[in-house]
Structure formats: structure tokens, C-alpha cells
Protein backbone atom coordinates (compact mmCIF):
# COMPACT_ATOMS: atom_id res chain seq x y z
CA MET A 1 -0.12 0.16 0.04
CA GLY A 2 2.66 2.78 1.55
CA ALA A 3 5.67 2.78 0.35
CA GLY A 4 7.88 0.35 2.50
CA HIS A 5 6.36 -2.49 1.04
CA ASP A 6 7.76 -1.44 -2.31
CA ALA A 7 11.37 -0.77 -0.26
CA VAL A 8 12.06 -4.29 1.99
CA ALA A 9 10.56 -6.31 -1.90
CA GLY A 10 13.81 -4.02 -3.70
CA GLU A 11 16.59 -4.00 -0.95
CA LEU A 12 16.28 -7.79 -0.52
CA GLU A 13 16.45 -7.89 -4.66
CA ARG A 14 19.88 -5.83 -4.43
CA ARG A 15 20.60 -7.72 -1.60
CA LEU A 16 19.98 -11.12 -3.66
CA ALA A 17 22.24 -9.59 -6.82
CA PRO A 18 25.92 -10.55 -5.66
CA HIS A 19 24.42 -14.06 -5.30
CA GLY A 20 23.21 -14.10 -9.39
CA VAL A 21 19.84 -14.85 -7.95
CA GLU A 22 16.93 -13.29 -10.90
CA VAL A 23 14.23 -11.25 -8.99
CA SER A 24 10.75 -10.28 -10.66
CA VAL A 25 9.15 -7.89 -8.47
CA VAL A 26 5.15 -7.88 -8.26
CA ASP A 27 3.28 -5.78 -7.31
CA VAL A 28 0.21 -8.11 -5.87
CA LEU A 29 -2.71 -5.08 -6.30
CA ASP A 30 -1.47 -5.20 -10.26
CA LEU A 31 -2.90 -8.88 -10.24
CA VAL A 32 -6.26 -7.74 -8.78
CA PRO A 33 -8.90 -7.99 -12.01
CA LEU A 34 -9.91 -3.92 -13.74
CA ARG A 35 -7.82 -2.07 -11.78
CA LEU A 36 -9.20 -2.95 -8.85
CA GLY A 37 -6.36 -3.44 -7.09
CA HIS A 38 -5.15 0.14 -7.65
CA ALA A 39 -8.75 1.73 -6.37
CA LEU A 40 -7.97 -0.37 -3.29
CA ARG A 41 -5.14 1.61 -2.25
CA ARG A 42 -6.90 4.93 -2.95
CA ALA A 43 -9.94 3.60 -0.61
CA TYR A 44 -7.24 2.78 1.71
CA ALA A 45 -5.14 6.02 1.46
CA GLY A 46 -8.35 8.01 1.68
CA ALA A 47 -9.19 6.62 5.22
CA ILE A 48 -6.28 6.88 6.57
CA ARG A 49 -6.19 10.77 5.56
CA SER A 50 -9.49 11.49 6.18
CA ALA A 51 -11.66 8.94 8.01
CA PRO A 52 -9.11 6.56 10.73
CA TRP A 53 -12.02 6.06 12.80
CA LEU A 54 -13.43 3.66 8.98
CA TYR A 55 -9.65 2.50 8.68
CA ALA A 56 -9.84 1.51 12.77
CA ALA A 57 -13.27 -0.39 11.94
CA ILE A 58 -12.31 -2.52 9.50
CA TYR A 59 -9.01 -3.53 10.90
CA ARG A 60 -10.89 -4.57 13.76
CA ALA A 61 -13.09 -6.39 11.96
CA PHE A 62 -10.99 -8.21 9.03
CA PHE A 63 -7.07 -8.32 10.97
CA VAL A 64 -7.80 -8.86 14.17
CA SER A 65 -9.19 -12.29 15.64
CA ARG A 66 -12.95 -11.58 16.59
CA ARG A 67 -12.13 -14.61 19.24
CA PRO A 68 -10.51 -14.49 22.38
CA GLY A 69 -7.24 -15.87 22.39
CA PRO A 70 -4.25 -16.92 19.72
CA LEU A 71 -3.59 -15.90 16.44
CA ARG A 72 -5.92 -17.63 13.50
CA PRO A 73 -5.29 -17.66 9.97
CA PRO A 74 -8.52 -15.41 8.23
CA PRO A 75 -10.77 -17.71 6.42
CA PRO A 76 -10.88 -18.48 2.86
CA SER A 77 -11.66 -14.39 0.31
CA PRO A 78 -13.03 -14.20 -2.99
CA LEU A 79 -10.02 -10.91 -2.96
CA THR A 80 -7.59 -14.17 -2.32
CA ALA A 81 -8.80 -16.55 -5.03
CA LEU A 82 -9.16 -14.03 -7.72
CA ILE A 83 -5.42 -12.71 -7.26
CA ALA A 84 -3.84 -16.72 -6.32
CA ALA A 85 -5.68 -16.96 -10.30
CA ARG A 86 -3.71 -14.31 -11.74
CA LEU A 87 -0.63 -15.53 -9.48
CA ARG A 88 -0.89 -19.09 -10.77
CA ARG A 89 -1.06 -17.47 -14.51
CA ARG A 90 2.11 -15.85 -13.99
CA VAL A 91 4.12 -18.51 -11.62
CA ARG A 92 3.17 -20.53 -14.69
CA GLU A 93 5.03 -17.78 -17.68
CA LEU A 94 7.99 -17.89 -15.85
CA PRO A 95 8.63 -20.72 -12.71
CA PRO A 96 10.67 -19.51 -9.87
CA ASP A 97 12.76 -21.59 -7.64
CA ALA A 98 11.12 -19.21 -4.56
CA VAL A 99 8.51 -16.79 -3.78
CA VAL A 100 8.89 -14.07 -1.12
CA SER A 101 5.74 -12.35 -0.30
CA THR A 102 6.39 -8.81 1.68
CA PHE A 103 2.80 -7.63 1.93
CA HIS A 104 -0.22 -10.00 3.65
CA VAL A 105 -2.70 -9.87 0.88
CA ALA A 106 0.67 -11.17 -1.55
CA ALA A 107 0.90 -13.69 1.73
CA GLN A 108 -2.15 -15.02 1.13
CA ALA A 109 -2.87 -15.78 -2.04
CA ALA A 110 0.52 -17.19 -2.15
CA GLY A 111 -0.27 -19.68 0.71
CA ARG A 112 -3.29 -20.16 -1.08
CA LEU A 113 -2.26 -21.38 -4.07
CA ARG A 114 1.10 -23.15 -2.23
CA ARG A 115 -1.72 -25.20 -0.87
CA ALA A 116 -3.38 -26.18 -3.47
CA GLY A 117 -0.42 -27.14 -5.76
CA GLY A 118 -0.18 -24.44 -8.57
CA LEU A 119 2.99 -23.24 -6.66
CA ASP A 120 5.88 -26.07 -6.86
CA ALA A 121 8.50 -23.46 -5.48
CA PRO A 122 8.68 -22.32 -1.83
CA SER A 123 6.53 -19.93 -1.43
CA LEU A 124 8.47 -17.16 1.98
CA VAL A 125 6.42 -14.64 3.89
CA LEU A 126 8.44 -11.90 4.90
CA VAL A 127 6.32 -10.03 7.76
CA THR A 128 7.17 -6.30 7.41
CA ASP A 129 4.87 -5.55 10.80
CA PHE A 130 5.98 -6.02 14.42
CA ALA A 131 2.46 -6.71 15.79
CA VAL A 132 1.32 -10.21 12.94
CA HIS A 133 -2.13 -9.97 12.73
CA ARG A 134 -4.06 -12.31 11.21
CA MET A 135 -4.42 -11.54 7.62
CA TRP A 136 -0.32 -12.45 7.42
CA LEU A 137 -1.18 -15.98 7.89
CA HIS A 138 -1.88 -18.58 5.74
CA PRO A 139 -0.55 -22.64 6.98
CA GLY A 140 0.14 -23.26 2.96
CA ASN A 141 3.28 -21.27 3.16
CA ASP A 142 6.77 -23.15 3.95
CA ARG A 143 8.20 -20.32 6.02
CA TYR A 144 8.00 -16.61 7.80
CA LEU A 145 11.21 -14.31 8.47
CA CYS A 146 10.10 -12.23 11.21
CA PRO A 147 10.68 -9.05 12.93
CA ASP A 148 11.24 -10.17 16.59
CA LYS A 149 10.98 -13.32 18.16
CA ALA A 150 7.83 -12.85 19.74
CA ALA A 151 6.30 -12.39 16.34
CA ALA A 152 8.11 -15.35 15.14
CA ARG A 153 6.90 -17.39 18.49
CA ALA A 154 2.76 -15.96 17.36
CA VAL A 155 3.03 -16.94 13.58
CA THR A 156 4.28 -20.85 14.67
CA ALA A 157 1.40 -21.14 16.91
CA ALA A 158 -1.64 -20.16 14.46
CA THR A 159 0.01 -21.81 11.11
CA GLY A 160 2.28 -24.56 12.16
CA ARG A 161 5.09 -23.51 9.67
CA PRO A 162 8.28 -22.84 11.26
CA ALA A 163 9.24 -18.89 11.64
CA THR A 164 12.31 -17.33 12.46
CA MET A 165 13.19 -13.75 13.71
CA CYS A 166 15.85 -12.03 10.67
CA ALA A 167 17.15 -8.88 10.75
CA PRO A 168 15.61 -5.81 9.23
CA LEU A 169 15.89 -4.60 5.30
CA VAL A 170 17.81 -1.51 5.12
CA PRO A 171 19.31 -0.08 2.68
CA PRO A 172 23.38 -0.02 3.18
CA GLU A 173 23.37 4.07 3.62
CA PHE A 174 21.69 3.62 7.16
CA ARG A 175 23.82 1.22 8.83
CA ARG A 176 27.31 3.44 8.01
CA PRO A 177 29.28 2.77 11.41
CA GLY A 178 30.11 5.62 13.94
CA VAL A 179 28.16 8.25 11.88
CA ARG A 180 26.66 9.57 14.55
CA GLY A 181 29.62 9.56 17.44
CA GLY A 182 32.85 11.06 15.27
CA ARG A 183 33.63 13.69 13.76
CA ASP A 184 31.41 12.71 11.02
CA GLY A 185 28.13 13.02 13.24
CA ARG A 186 29.24 16.42 14.69
CA ASP A 187 29.63 18.13 11.00
CA ILE A 188 26.34 16.32 10.13
CA ARG A 189 24.27 17.30 13.01
CA GLU A 190 25.37 21.03 12.70
CA ARG A 191 24.26 21.25 8.94
CA LEU A 192 21.27 19.97 9.90
CA ARG A 193 20.48 21.99 13.17
CA LYS A 194 21.35 25.74 10.15
CA ALA A 195 19.30 23.88 8.05
CA SER A 196 16.64 23.80 10.56
CA GLY A 197 16.79 27.14 12.09
CA ALA A 198 17.71 25.46 15.21
CA GLY A 199 19.28 27.00 18.24
CA PRO A 200 22.42 25.70 19.21
CA ASP A 201 20.85 23.65 22.34
CA GLU A 202 18.24 23.30 20.54
CA PRO A 203 18.14 19.45 19.19
CA VAL A 204 16.50 18.72 16.35
CA VAL A 205 13.55 16.00 16.38
CA LEU A 206 12.31 14.76 12.77
CA ILE A 207 8.87 13.93 13.17
CA SER A 208 7.79 11.71 10.05
CA ALA A 209 4.35 11.35 8.17
CA GLY A 210 5.06 8.63 6.79
CA ALA A 211 5.50 8.07 2.46
CA TRP A 212 1.84 9.49 2.30
CA GLY A 213 2.17 12.25 4.80
CA VAL A 214 -0.77 11.14 7.52
CA GLY A 215 -1.59 11.11 10.62
CA ARG A 216 -1.79 14.06 13.49
CA VAL A 217 1.74 15.04 12.61
CA VAL A 218 0.51 18.98 13.14
CA GLU A 219 -0.45 18.12 16.35
CA ALA A 220 2.75 16.40 17.51
CA ALA A 221 5.31 20.00 15.84
CA GLY A 222 3.00 22.13 17.97
CA VAL A 223 3.79 20.27 20.79
CA LEU A 224 7.44 20.41 20.29
CA SER A 225 7.65 23.89 19.05
CA ALA A 226 5.65 24.59 22.26
CA SER A 227 8.36 23.33 24.48
CA GLY A 228 10.89 25.76 23.70
CA ARG A 229 13.36 22.80 23.78
CA TYR A 230 13.89 20.77 20.98
CA ARG A 231 13.15 22.15 17.33
CA PRO A 232 10.85 20.03 14.94
CA VAL A 233 11.54 18.87 11.39
CA VAL A 234 8.53 17.37 9.39
CA LEU A 235 9.19 14.87 7.10
CA CYS A 236 5.80 15.13 4.92
CA GLY A 237 6.58 12.16 2.59
CA ARG A 238 4.50 13.02 -0.93
CA ASN A 239 2.02 14.81 0.40
CA GLY A 240 2.82 18.38 -1.04
CA HIS A 241 -0.58 19.63 0.91
CA LEU A 242 0.20 18.99 3.95
CA ARG A 243 3.67 20.21 3.41
CA ARG A 244 1.82 23.95 2.57
CA ARG A 245 -0.02 23.52 5.91
CA ILE A 246 2.74 23.00 8.23
CA LEU A 247 4.90 25.87 6.54
CA GLY A 248 1.98 28.06 6.95
CA THR A 249 1.66 27.59 11.05
CA GLY A 250 4.95 28.60 10.96
CA LEU A 251 5.71 25.38 13.42
CA ALA A 252 8.51 23.79 11.83
CA PRO A 253 10.30 23.09 8.73
CA ALA A 254 8.29 20.68 6.76
CA LEU A 255 10.14 18.64 3.30
CA GLY A 256 9.19 16.81 1.74
CA TRP A 257 10.02 13.28 -0.04
CA ARG A 258 13.79 12.97 0.62
CA ASP A 259 16.60 11.02 -0.48
CA ASP A 260 18.98 11.82 2.02
CA VAL A 261 16.66 10.26 5.28
CA ALA A 262 19.75 8.73 6.47
CA GLU A 263 21.67 11.60 6.89
CA LEU A 264 18.89 13.86 8.18
CA MET A 265 18.65 10.36 10.58
CA ALA A 266 22.44 10.81 11.11
CA GLY A 267 22.35 14.37 12.45
CA ALA A 268 18.78 14.44 14.54
CA TYR A 269 18.15 13.62 17.94
CA ALA A 270 15.33 11.69 17.93
CA LEU A 271 12.40 10.65 15.61
CA VAL A 272 8.97 11.35 16.22
CA ASP A 273 7.02 8.31 14.47
CA ASN A 274 3.24 6.97 13.90
CA ALA A 275 3.32 3.88 12.18
CA ALA A 276 5.60 1.29 13.29
CA GLY A 277 7.20 0.95 9.42
CA MET A 278 10.27 1.76 7.90
CA THR A 279 11.09 5.01 8.69
CA CYS A 280 12.01 3.14 12.81
CA ARG A 281 13.78 0.48 10.63
CA GLU A 282 15.61 2.92 9.67
CA ALA A 283 16.21 5.13 12.41
CA PHE A 284 17.20 1.72 14.39
CA ALA A 285 19.43 1.33 11.56
CA CYS A 286 21.10 4.87 11.94
CA GLY A 287 21.31 4.16 16.00
CA LEU A 288 18.43 7.21 16.47
CA PRO A 289 16.18 6.86 19.27
CA VAL A 290 12.04 5.92 18.30
CA ILE A 291 9.45 7.66 20.28
CA SER A 292 5.95 6.86 18.94
CA TYR A 293 2.95 9.94 19.35
CA ARG A 294 -0.56 9.51 17.92
CA PRO A 295 -0.04 6.64 15.53
CA ILE A 296 -2.47 5.96 13.15
CA PRO A 297 -5.11 2.83 13.39
CA GLY A 298 -5.02 0.05 13.59
CA HIS A 299 -1.51 -1.91 12.40
CA GLY A 300 -0.16 1.50 13.22
CA ARG A 301 -1.06 1.37 16.97
CA ASP A 302 -0.52 -1.79 17.41
CA GLY A 303 3.24 -1.72 15.82
CA ALA A 304 3.88 1.31 18.44
CA LEU A 305 2.53 -0.54 21.07
CA ALA A 306 4.71 -4.01 20.28
CA MET A 307 7.59 -1.93 19.66
CA ALA A 308 8.01 -0.51 23.36
CA ARG A 309 6.89 -3.86 24.70
CA GLY A 310 10.18 -4.94 23.29
CA GLY A 311 12.12 -1.99 24.65
CA LEU A 312 13.01 -0.69 21.19
CA SER A 313 11.07 2.41 21.31
CA VAL A 314 8.65 4.80 24.19
CA TYR A 315 5.15 5.07 23.03
CA ALA A 316 3.76 8.68 24.01
CA HIS A 317 0.30 8.71 25.11
CA SER A 318 0.01 11.84 25.47
CA PRO A 319 2.27 16.01 25.35
CA ALA A 320 3.80 15.69 28.09
CA GLU A 321 4.57 12.08 27.95
CA LEU A 322 6.37 12.51 24.60
CA VAL A 323 7.93 16.32 25.45
CA GLU A 324 9.30 13.76 29.11
CA ALA A 325 10.38 10.93 26.68
CA LEU A 326 13.11 13.64 24.91
CA ASP A 327 14.09 14.72 28.00
CA ARG A 328 15.27 10.76 29.21
CA LEU A 329 17.10 10.14 26.02
CA GLU A 330 19.57 12.77 27.26
CA ASP A 331 20.07 9.76 29.54
CA GLY A 332 23.27 7.76 28.14
CA ALA A 333 22.66 4.99 29.75
CA LEU A 334 18.66 4.72 28.79
CA ARG A 335 20.52 5.35 24.97
CA ARG A 336 22.62 2.19 25.38
CA THR A 337 20.28 0.30 26.88
CA ARG A 338 17.79 0.85 23.84
CA ALA A 339 20.70 0.68 21.86
CA ALA A 340 21.83 -3.20 22.68
CA ARG A 341 17.92 -3.99 22.31
CA VAL A 342 17.99 -2.57 18.52
CA ASP A 343 21.34 -3.64 17.30
CA ALA A 344 19.88 -7.48 19.14
CA LEU A 345 17.30 -6.96 15.71
CA PHE A 346 20.77 -6.57 12.75
CA SER A 347 22.94 -9.79 14.21
CA ALA A 348 19.61 -12.22 13.28
CA GLU A 349 20.26 -14.01 10.90
CA SER A 350 19.98 -11.98 7.53
CA ALA A 351 16.87 -12.85 4.81
CA GLU A 352 19.11 -12.98 2.31
CA ARG A 353 20.98 -15.61 3.57
CA THR A 354 17.75 -18.05 4.42
CA VAL A 355 16.31 -16.93 0.67
CA CYS A 356 19.28 -18.49 -0.83
CA ALA A 357 19.14 -21.77 1.43
CA ALA A 358 15.27 -22.09 -0.18
CA LEU A 359 16.22 -21.79 -3.29
CA GLY A 360 19.05 -24.88 -2.30
């Protein structure tokens, strides 16, 4: 739906290329007849931007198990059947040695096709949510690659399929050693401070609105600006209207789509995020502390809670908690403890190694 799933697929493709693996990336929404997949994407974007309560209701109805207890795979759906039929034609045209799904609808279609005998190759699912919802689950898939051990345990319990933790698929520029600590880090911070108009003792805090520029980021910018202690800089993604709106308020600098996010993160004090997606993983790779604030409903909120439970981030429920969480980051011991938990994510086995093993 957003840019995160595409980014994960693209990074996996990049990492597999040196192993001599030819990759074909397929947008699963292109497999929906009559271009209805693109209409579905537009409807989702509209709900997130203008009617988050509607998406929250849809998420509760279809993504979360209705009965208490452990996660359970969802019942078969007509949409999944249509996509699986079209996927079957694609794999007949170019028979793969493995299929990897990075989006939950793809996981449903590939699992269904594999179980029905229409896919001879192993089907792997690379879960991109810290909070695994049931739409990721289909027992027809052969293996799951999960963001942490808790997610892996939940997936195995629900599907009976092997599930292991794998390291985040983040581009290499976010993992440059020493950027935050040495002279390069100081130079980057100084450039960001000057570009944002921050005072000499005013830490710069990035506020992420994702690729679509959604969520209550104007409120977050207002809270930080009013504190008088932090300089907010809002990453508006591709949402030009949001960028103009924030610039009109004078609360903070507002940036559109950027290709230098790694450098921005290397110079920042913290990231305030609202979706628990790819931007959080990039921040983790940079060693940038993450605070979740006013997350988008459904998977955003559940993902933020899951990251906080794992000690990877902080979930701030109010303006006062947001400022307090930023203040606490001055504690070096706290930063080191959280950094150790984040580093454990990247010490897990790589996704490309697992995929190569499946290829034989």
C-alpha cells in the first residue's frame, strides 16, 4: 500500500543480486482484475487521511481475530482467490525457484496457491509488521521471516509453519559505522541544526508522516515547538498539501520526499513516528531513538505498542509524555540500553541468506 513494502522488496532484490539470483518484483495489487487493486489503494489512503475511524473499524473486523485467544488465520476470501488465480498464471509463465511475500495480501494468495498445488516452489513470507495480524497468516506458506522472536512464536503457533527472526532489510547507508559518534556525526548534526534554524542548544527532532504524509503530525510539531526545548522538522513524504499546511503555521520546517533521510537521521536527536514501519527500522539502523506518538489506527497503533513492549522505542500517550520521553534521552545509560536491544535485531540471520537456502 505505502512505500514500506516496496522498499523491503527492493532491498531484498538488491541483496540477492550478488548471489546470482534473478528477481522479479510483482505488485500484488496489479493482479486484482479491472485495476480494482489501485482503487483499493486509493480507498485505503483516503481512509487513513480523512476517516481513520473507518480504517480502525475495518482493521478490527478483518485483521484481528474476533475470538479471544491466540491468532488464527482468516477464512478464505473471494479477493484472495482472484489474486491467487492470476498469480498462478504468472508462475506458469516464469516458474520461480522461490516466492517471497512482503505484503499480507500476497502472503494469503501465495499460501493459497501453494496449498492447492498450483505453486511448486517454496513460499516464504517476510513479515513487515512488529504486531502480526491474522491477514499475514496462511498455513500453505512454507516459512515465515519475522521482525522479532515474539512475532515468530505467534506465527508458528497460529500456522504450524517454521518462523524465525530475521534482521531488518534496511539500505546500507543507514548502517554506516561511526556516523553518529565521530567527527562526521558532529558535522552532520551542525549542518542539520543550521538548515532547520535550530538554536545552538536546541536538539533537532524529526517527525515522520510516512510516504503518504498521514497522521497527527501537525499536533506533534506544535507540542515540540511549544516546549521551547526542541526544534521539530517534519518529513511530509509525498503529501504536498501537508507540507504547505505546516509551513503556513510556522511551527516547523517541512520537507517533501527526500533521498537523504539517512543523513537527516544521522544528525537528529530523535524520531517521532506514527506508523511503526520502515522509517522506524531505518532509525534503528542509524542508532536514532524512536518515540511513537499518535500512531495511525490499526496496524500503526499495534506496531507501536509491540515495539515499546520489546524495549525498542517509547510510546508517548500525551503531549507531556512526548516531551518527557525526549528529555529522558539525555540519560546516556538509557540510550545504551535501548541501543543494545535494537542492535540485537540486526544481529539476527539475514533475509537473503534464508531465501538463498530455500533456493537450494
